[in-house]
Amino acid sequence: MKSKEAKEPKGDLLLTPKQVARQLGVTRTTLESWRLRGGGPKFVRVSKRCIRYRRQDLQVWIEERIRTSTSDPGGSAA
């Protein structure tokens, strides 16, 4: 039996809010709040009631939040 992941194409795959919430360990309500206030990953509004996330945008958003310690403010401190 093949895994679901093996059937999905890589690249610009659009993910549902449920998939993104599960990957990030947050609720869909949290994602909705981030969309309203800003600060969350970029998203695609497919239609008025259909929101999706590009895998590459999610990865960039995660990479931007990597820190080396709790006192690391982020950004470029070179």
PDB file of N, CA and C in Angstrom:
ATOM      1  N   MET A   1       0.837  -1.181   0.000  1.00  0.00           N
ATOM      2  CA  MET A   1       0.000   0.000   0.000  1.00  0.00           C
ATOM      3  C   MET A   1       0.881   1.243   0.000  1.00  0.00           C
ATOM      4  N   LYS A   2       0.633   2.161  -0.933  1.00  0.00           N
ATOM      5  CA  LYS A   2       1.432   3.363  -1.047  1.00  0.00           C
ATOM      6  C   LYS A   2       0.948   4.415  -0.053  1.00  0.00           C
ATOM      7  N   SER A   3       1.898   5.215   0.445  1.00  0.00           N
ATOM      8  CA  SER A   3       1.524   6.265   1.383  1.00  0.00           C
ATOM      9  C   SER A   3       0.893   7.432   0.640  1.00  0.00           C
ATOM     10  N   LYS A   4       0.095   8.203   1.345  1.00  0.00           N
ATOM     11  CA  LYS A   4      -0.538   9.377   0.769  1.00  0.00           C
ATOM     12  C   LYS A   4       0.507  10.386   0.312  1.00  0.00           C
ATOM     13  N   GLU A   5       1.584  10.522   1.088  1.00  0.00           N
ATOM     14  CA  GLU A   5       2.653  11.464   0.764  1.00  0.00           C
ATOM     15  C   GLU A   5       3.287  11.141  -0.593  1.00  0.00           C
ATOM     16  N   ALA A   6       3.415   9.862  -0.894  1.00  0.00           N
ATOM     17  CA  ALA A   6       4.048   9.461  -2.152  1.00  0.00           C
ATOM     18  C   ALA A   6       3.200   9.872  -3.353  1.00  0.00           C
ATOM     19  N   LYS A   7       1.887   9.985  -3.178  1.00  0.00           N
ATOM     20  CA  LYS A   7       1.000  10.342  -4.272  1.00  0.00           C
ATOM     21  C   LYS A   7       0.950  11.844  -4.521  1.00  0.00           C
ATOM     22  N   GLU A   8       1.333  12.647  -3.524  1.00  0.00           N
ATOM     23  CA  GLU A   8       1.251  14.086  -3.646  1.00  0.00           C
ATOM     24  C   GLU A   8       2.482  14.636  -4.366  1.00  0.00           C
ATOM     25  N   PRO A   9       2.273  15.532  -5.341  1.00  0.00           N
ATOM     26  CA  PRO A   9       3.412  16.141  -6.013  1.00  0.00           C
ATOM     27  C   PRO A   9       4.115  17.120  -5.096  1.00  0.00           C
ATOM     28  N   LYS A  10       5.394  17.297  -5.299  1.00  0.00           N
ATOM     29  CA  LYS A  10       6.172  18.262  -4.522  1.00  0.00           C
ATOM     30  C   LYS A  10       6.061  19.627  -5.194  1.00  0.00           C
ATOM     31  N   GLY A  11       6.707  20.625  -4.615  1.00  0.00           N
ATOM     32  CA  GLY A  11       6.706  21.943  -5.227  1.00  0.00           C
ATOM     33  C   GLY A  11       5.617  22.825  -4.660  1.00  0.00           C
ATOM     34  N   ASP A  12       4.784  23.367  -5.519  1.00  0.00           N
ATOM     35  CA  ASP A  12       3.768  24.328  -5.116  1.00  0.00           C
ATOM     36  C   ASP A  12       2.451  23.676  -4.690  1.00  0.00           C
ATOM     37  N   LEU A  13       2.535  22.559  -4.038  1.00  0.00           N
ATOM     38  CA  LEU A  13       1.350  21.898  -3.538  1.00  0.00           C
ATOM     39  C   LEU A  13       0.617  22.831  -2.585  1.00  0.00           C
ATOM     40  N   LEU A  14      -0.698  22.961  -2.748  1.00  0.00           N
ATOM     41  CA  LEU A  14      -1.488  23.795  -1.851  1.00  0.00           C
ATOM     42  C   LEU A  14      -1.986  22.952  -0.688  1.00  0.00           C
ATOM     43  N   LEU A  15      -1.747  23.441   0.515  1.00  0.00           N
ATOM     44  CA  LEU A  15      -2.136  22.736   1.728  1.00  0.00           C
ATOM     45  C   LEU A  15      -3.356  23.399   2.339  1.00  0.00           C
ATOM     46  N   THR A  16      -4.212  22.612   2.960  1.00  0.00           N
ATOM     47  CA  THR A  16      -5.386  23.143   3.636  1.00  0.00           C
ATOM     48  C   THR A  16      -4.987  23.711   4.999  1.00  0.00           C
ATOM     49  N   PRO A  17      -5.819  24.588   5.562  1.00  0.00           N
ATOM     50  CA  PRO A  17      -5.538  25.071   6.917  1.00  0.00           C
ATOM     51  C   PRO A  17      -5.424  23.924   7.932  1.00  0.00           C
ATOM     52  N   LYS A  18      -6.211  22.892   7.762  1.00  0.00           N
ATOM     53  CA  LYS A  18      -6.137  21.741   8.673  1.00  0.00           C
ATOM     54  C   LYS A  18      -4.765  21.081   8.596  1.00  0.00           C
ATOM     55  N   GLN A  19      -4.239  20.896   7.392  1.00  0.00           N
ATOM     56  CA  GLN A  19      -2.920  20.284   7.213  1.00  0.00           C
ATOM     57  C   GLN A  19      -1.822  21.155   7.815  1.00  0.00           C
ATOM     58  N   VAL A  20      -1.920  22.469   7.591  1.00  0.00           N
ATOM     59  CA  VAL A  20      -0.905  23.391   8.103  1.00  0.00           C
ATOM     60  C   VAL A  20      -0.960  23.446   9.627  1.00  0.00           C
ATOM     61  N   ALA A  21      -2.162  23.520  10.168  1.00  0.00           N
ATOM     62  CA  ALA A  21      -2.319  23.549  11.625  1.00  0.00           C
ATOM     63  C   ALA A  21      -1.712  22.303  12.259  1.00  0.00           C
ATOM     64  N   ARG A  22      -1.966  21.162  11.670  1.00  0.00           N
ATOM     65  CA  ARG A  22      -1.410  19.910  12.192  1.00  0.00           C
ATOM     66  C   ARG A  22       0.114  19.918  12.118  1.00  0.00           C
ATOM     67  N   GLN A  23       0.662  20.402  11.005  1.00  0.00           N
ATOM     68  CA  GLN A  23       2.120  20.437  10.840  1.00  0.00           C
ATOM     69  C   GLN A  23       2.775  21.377  11.851  1.00  0.00           C
ATOM     70  N   LEU A  24       2.133  22.521  12.129  1.00  0.00           N
ATOM     71  CA  LEU A  24       2.702  23.502  13.046  1.00  0.00           C
ATOM     72  C   LEU A  24       2.356  23.224  14.509  1.00  0.00           C
ATOM     73  N   GLY A  25       1.389  22.352  14.738  1.00  0.00           N
ATOM     74  CA  GLY A  25       0.979  22.061  16.106  1.00  0.00           C
ATOM     75  C   GLY A  25       0.136  23.167  16.716  1.00  0.00           C
ATOM     76  N   VAL A  26      -0.645  23.850  15.880  1.00  0.00           N
ATOM     77  CA  VAL A  26      -1.549  24.901  16.340  1.00  0.00           C
ATOM     78  C   VAL A  26      -2.958  24.571  15.863  1.00  0.00           C
ATOM     79  N   THR A  27      -3.940  25.353  16.300  1.00  0.00           N
ATOM     80  CA  THR A  27      -5.312  25.127  15.866  1.00  0.00           C
ATOM     81  C   THR A  27      -5.606  25.896  14.581  1.00  0.00           C
ATOM     82  N   ARG A  28      -6.667  25.507  13.909  1.00  0.00           N
ATOM     83  CA  ARG A  28      -7.093  26.253  12.723  1.00  0.00           C
ATOM     84  C   ARG A  28      -7.528  27.666  13.118  1.00  0.00           C
ATOM     85  N   THR A  29      -8.050  27.810  14.333  1.00  0.00           N
ATOM     86  CA  THR A  29      -8.429  29.133  14.838  1.00  0.00           C
ATOM     87  C   THR A  29      -7.209  30.037  14.951  1.00  0.00           C
ATOM     88  N   THR A  30      -6.089  29.474  15.377  1.00  0.00           N
ATOM     89  CA  THR A  30      -4.843  30.246  15.458  1.00  0.00           C
ATOM     90  C   THR A  30      -4.423  30.711  14.070  1.00  0.00           C
ATOM     91  N   LEU A  31      -4.492  29.829  13.087  1.00  0.00           N
ATOM     92  CA  LEU A  31      -4.149  30.226  11.711  1.00  0.00           C
ATOM     93  C   LEU A  31      -5.065  31.350  11.228  1.00  0.00           C
ATOM     94  N   GLU A  32      -6.355  31.241  11.539  1.00  0.00           N
ATOM     95  CA  GLU A  32      -7.310  32.277  11.138  1.00  0.00           C
ATOM     96  C   GLU A  32      -6.947  33.611  11.794  1.00  0.00           C
ATOM     97  N   SER A  33      -6.588  33.564  13.055  1.00  0.00           N
ATOM     98  CA  SER A  33      -6.186  34.773  13.776  1.00  0.00           C
ATOM     99  C   SER A  33      -4.946  35.392  13.144  1.00  0.00           C
ATOM    100  N   TRP A  34      -3.972  34.567  12.785  1.00  0.00           N
ATOM    101  CA  TRP A  34      -2.770  35.067  12.123  1.00  0.00           C
ATOM    102  C   TRP A  34      -3.106  35.714  10.790  1.00  0.00           C
ATOM    103  N   ARG A  35      -4.049  35.124  10.054  1.00  0.00           N
ATOM    104  CA  ARG A  35      -4.446  35.715   8.763  1.00  0.00           C
ATOM    105  C   ARG A  35      -5.078  37.081   8.972  1.00  0.00           C
ATOM    106  N   LEU A  36      -5.881  37.217  10.012  1.00  0.00           N
ATOM    107  CA  LEU A  36      -6.564  38.484  10.278  1.00  0.00           C
ATOM    108  C   LEU A  36      -5.608  39.556  10.794  1.00  0.00           C
ATOM    109  N   ARG A  37      -4.694  39.187  11.681  1.00  0.00           N
ATOM    110  CA  ARG A  37      -3.781  40.142  12.319  1.00  0.00           C
ATOM    111  C   ARG A  37      -2.468  40.291  11.578  1.00  0.00           C
ATOM    112  N   GLY A  38      -2.117  39.308  10.771  1.00  0.00           N
ATOM    113  CA  GLY A  38      -0.804  39.284  10.148  1.00  0.00           C
ATOM    114  C   GLY A  38       0.143  38.503  11.037  1.00  0.00           C
ATOM    115  N   GLY A  39       1.303  38.173  10.518  1.00  0.00           N
ATOM    116  CA  GLY A  39       2.297  37.464  11.304  1.00  0.00           C
ATOM    117  C   GLY A  39       2.384  35.982  11.039  1.00  0.00           C
ATOM    118  N   GLY A  40       1.414  35.423  10.369  1.00  0.00           N
ATOM    119  CA  GLY A  40       1.451  34.002  10.042  1.00  0.00           C
ATOM    120  C   GLY A  40       2.052  33.792   8.673  1.00  0.00           C
ATOM    121  N   PRO A  41       2.058  32.544   8.227  1.00  0.00           N
ATOM    122  CA  PRO A  41       2.586  32.258   6.885  1.00  0.00           C
ATOM    123  C   PRO A  41       1.704  32.892   5.807  1.00  0.00           C
ATOM    124  N   LYS A  42       2.318  33.203   4.676  1.00  0.00           N
ATOM    125  CA  LYS A  42       1.551  33.713   3.539  1.00  0.00           C
ATOM    126  C   LYS A  42       0.514  32.665   3.147  1.00  0.00           C
ATOM    127  N   PHE A  43      -0.616  33.129   2.612  1.00  0.00           N
ATOM    128  CA  PHE A  43      -1.670  32.207   2.209  1.00  0.00           C
ATOM    129  C   PHE A  43      -2.246  32.600   0.866  1.00  0.00           C
ATOM    130  N   VAL A  44      -2.977  31.680   0.275  1.00  0.00           N
ATOM    131  CA  VAL A  44      -3.632  31.896  -1.016  1.00  0.00           C
ATOM    132  C   VAL A  44      -5.130  31.883  -0.784  1.00  0.00           C
ATOM    133  N   ARG A  45      -5.813  32.940  -1.221  1.00  0.00           N
ATOM    134  CA  ARG A  45      -7.276  32.966  -1.133  1.00  0.00           C
ATOM    135  C   ARG A  45      -7.804  32.466  -2.479  1.00  0.00           C
ATOM    136  N   VAL A  46      -8.143  31.180  -2.515  1.00  0.00           N
ATOM    137  CA  VAL A  46      -8.623  30.561  -3.751  1.00  0.00           C
ATOM    138  C   VAL A  46      -9.990  31.124  -4.102  1.00  0.00           C
ATOM    139  N   SER A  47     -10.837  31.307  -3.109  1.00  0.00           N
ATOM    140  CA  SER A  47     -12.144  31.943  -3.256  1.00  0.00           C
ATOM    141  C   SER A  47     -12.471  32.596  -1.920  1.00  0.00           C
ATOM    142  N   LYS A  48     -13.636  33.202  -1.818  1.00  0.00           N
ATOM    143  CA  LYS A  48     -13.995  33.910  -0.597  1.00  0.00           C
ATOM    144  C   LYS A  48     -13.912  33.026   0.644  1.00  0.00           C
ATOM    145  N   ARG A  49     -14.236  31.752   0.500  1.00  0.00           N
ATOM    146  CA  ARG A  49     -14.267  30.851   1.645  1.00  0.00           C
ATOM    147  C   ARG A  49     -13.234  29.733   1.577  1.00  0.00           C
ATOM    148  N   CYS A  50     -12.318  29.821   0.638  1.00  0.00           N
ATOM    149  CA  CYS A  50     -11.329  28.751   0.458  1.00  0.00           C
ATOM    150  C   CYS A  50      -9.913  29.311   0.580  1.00  0.00           C
ATOM    151  N   ILE A  51      -9.238  28.943   1.670  1.00  0.00           N
ATOM    152  CA  ILE A  51      -7.875  29.393   1.940  1.00  0.00           C
ATOM    153  C   ILE A  51      -6.931  28.208   1.792  1.00  0.00           C
ATOM    154  N   ARG A  52      -5.794  28.428   1.168  1.00  0.00           N
ATOM    155  CA  ARG A  52      -4.765  27.402   1.043  1.00  0.00           C
ATOM    156  C   ARG A  52      -3.401  28.037   1.327  1.00  0.00           C
ATOM    157  N   TYR A  53      -2.446  27.189   1.603  1.00  0.00           N
ATOM    158  CA  TYR A  53      -1.075  27.628   1.872  1.00  0.00           C
ATOM    159  C   TYR A  53      -0.148  26.904   0.915  1.00  0.00           C
ATOM    160  N   ARG A  54       0.815  27.636   0.344  1.00  0.00           N
ATOM    161  CA  ARG A  54       1.820  26.995  -0.495  1.00  0.00           C
ATOM    162  C   ARG A  54       2.890  26.405   0.417  1.00  0.00           C
ATOM    163  N   ARG A  55       3.294  25.196   0.099  1.00  0.00           N
ATOM    164  CA  ARG A  55       4.314  24.511   0.897  1.00  0.00           C
ATOM    165  C   ARG A  55       5.586  25.353   1.017  1.00  0.00           C
ATOM    166  N   GLN A  56       6.010  25.978  -0.079  1.00  0.00           N
ATOM    167  CA  GLN A  56       7.245  26.767  -0.059  1.00  0.00           C
ATOM    168  C   GLN A  56       7.102  27.980   0.861  1.00  0.00           C
ATOM    169  N   ASP A  57       5.936  28.626   0.910  1.00  0.00           N
ATOM    170  CA  ASP A  57       5.737  29.774   1.804  1.00  0.00           C
ATOM    171  C   ASP A  57       5.764  29.342   3.260  1.00  0.00           C
ATOM    172  N   LEU A  58       5.193  28.191   3.535  1.00  0.00           N
ATOM    173  CA  LEU A  58       5.203  27.660   4.896  1.00  0.00           C
ATOM    174  C   LEU A  58       6.637  27.365   5.340  1.00  0.00           C
ATOM    175  N   GLN A  59       7.426  26.778   4.452  1.00  0.00           N
ATOM    176  CA  GLN A  59       8.822  26.466   4.776  1.00  0.00           C
ATOM    177  C   GLN A  59       9.622  27.734   5.041  1.00  0.00           C
ATOM    178  N   VAL A  60       9.429  28.771   4.238  1.00  0.00           N
ATOM    179  CA  VAL A  60      10.114  30.055   4.437  1.00  0.00           C
ATOM    180  C   VAL A  60       9.723  30.644   5.787  1.00  0.00           C
ATOM    181  N   TRP A  61       8.445  30.624   6.117  1.00  0.00           N
ATOM    182  CA  TRP A  61       7.950  31.168   7.384  1.00  0.00           C
ATOM    183  C   TRP A  61       8.580  30.436   8.571  1.00  0.00           C
ATOM    184  N   ILE A  62       8.691  29.127   8.459  1.00  0.00           N
ATOM    185  CA  ILE A  62       9.318  28.332   9.524  1.00  0.00           C
ATOM    186  C   ILE A  62      10.796  28.694   9.643  1.00  0.00           C
ATOM    187  N   GLU A  63      11.500  28.752   8.515  1.00  0.00           N
ATOM    188  CA  GLU A  63      12.935  29.068   8.525  1.00  0.00           C
ATOM    189  C   GLU A  63      13.208  30.431   9.149  1.00  0.00           C
ATOM    190  N   GLU A  64      12.316  31.397   8.921  1.00  0.00           N
ATOM    191  CA  GLU A  64      12.484  32.740   9.478  1.00  0.00           C
ATOM    192  C   GLU A  64      12.378  32.755  11.000  1.00  0.00           C
ATOM    193  N   ARG A  65      11.812  31.712  11.581  1.00  0.00           N
ATOM    194  CA  ARG A  65      11.599  31.657  13.018  1.00  0.00           C
ATOM    195  C   ARG A  65      12.597  30.787  13.769  1.00  0.00           C
ATOM    196  N   ILE A  66      13.586  30.283  13.082  1.00  0.00           N
ATOM    197  CA  ILE A  66      14.595  29.461  13.745  1.00  0.00           C
ATOM    198  C   ILE A  66      15.473  30.365  14.607  1.00  0.00           C
ATOM    199  N   ARG A  67      15.655  29.958  15.849  1.00  0.00           N
ATOM    200  CA  ARG A  67      16.459  30.708  16.804  1.00  0.00           C
ATOM    201  C   ARG A  67      17.482  29.781  17.446  1.00  0.00           C
ATOM    202  N   THR A  68      18.561  30.371  17.937  1.00  0.00           N
ATOM    203  CA  THR A  68      19.593  29.582  18.613  1.00  0.00           C
ATOM    204  C   THR A  68      19.425  29.578  20.119  1.00  0.00           C
ATOM    205  N   SER A  69      18.656  30.536  20.645  1.00  0.00           N
ATOM    206  CA  SER A  69      18.371  30.590  22.079  1.00  0.00           C
ATOM    207  C   SER A  69      17.116  31.421  22.299  1.00  0.00           C
ATOM    208  N   THR A  70      16.577  31.389  23.517  1.00  0.00           N
ATOM    209  CA  THR A  70      15.377  32.156  23.816  1.00  0.00           C
ATOM    210  C   THR A  70      15.644  33.659  23.816  1.00  0.00           C
ATOM    211  N   SER A  71      16.897  34.058  23.951  1.00  0.00           N
ATOM    212  CA  SER A  71      17.235  35.475  23.928  1.00  0.00           C
ATOM    213  C   SER A  71      17.566  35.975  22.518  1.00  0.00           C
ATOM    214  N   ASP A  72      17.576  35.090  21.543  1.00  0.00           N
ATOM    215  CA  ASP A  72      17.847  35.442  20.145  1.00  0.00           C
ATOM    216  C   ASP A  72      16.624  36.163  19.583  1.00  0.00           C
ATOM    217  N   PRO A  73      16.748  37.474  19.240  1.00  0.00           N
ATOM    218  CA  PRO A  73      15.601  38.217  18.721  1.00  0.00           C
ATOM    219  C   PRO A  73      15.285  37.910  17.266  1.00  0.00           C
ATOM    220  N   GLY A  74      16.164  37.202  16.600  1.00  0.00           N
ATOM    221  CA  GLY A  74      15.974  36.928  15.175  1.00  0.00           C
ATOM    222  C   GLY A  74      16.566  38.041  14.344  1.00  0.00           C
ATOM    223  N   GLY A  75      16.273  38.001  13.064  1.00  0.00           N
ATOM    224  CA  GLY A  75      16.837  39.012  12.176  1.00  0.00           C
ATOM    225  C   GLY A  75      18.312  38.754  11.928  1.00  0.00           C
ATOM    226  N   SER A  76      18.933  39.644  11.210  1.00  0.00           N
ATOM    227  CA  SER A  76      20.360  39.479  10.903  1.00  0.00           C
ATOM    228  C   SER A  76      21.187  40.278  11.897  1.00  0.00           C
ATOM    229  N   ALA A  77      21.864  39.578  12.749  1.00  0.00           N
ATOM    230  CA  ALA A  77      22.719  40.216  13.759  1.00  0.00           C
ATOM    231  C   ALA A  77      24.181  39.985  13.412  1.00  0.00           C
ATOM    232  N   ALA A  78      24.545  40.290  12.171  1.00  0.00           N
ATOM    233  CA  ALA A  78      25.915  40.021  11.722  1.00  0.00           C
ATOM    234  C   ALA A  78      26.855  41.143  11.994  1.00  0.00           C
TER     235      ALA A  78
END
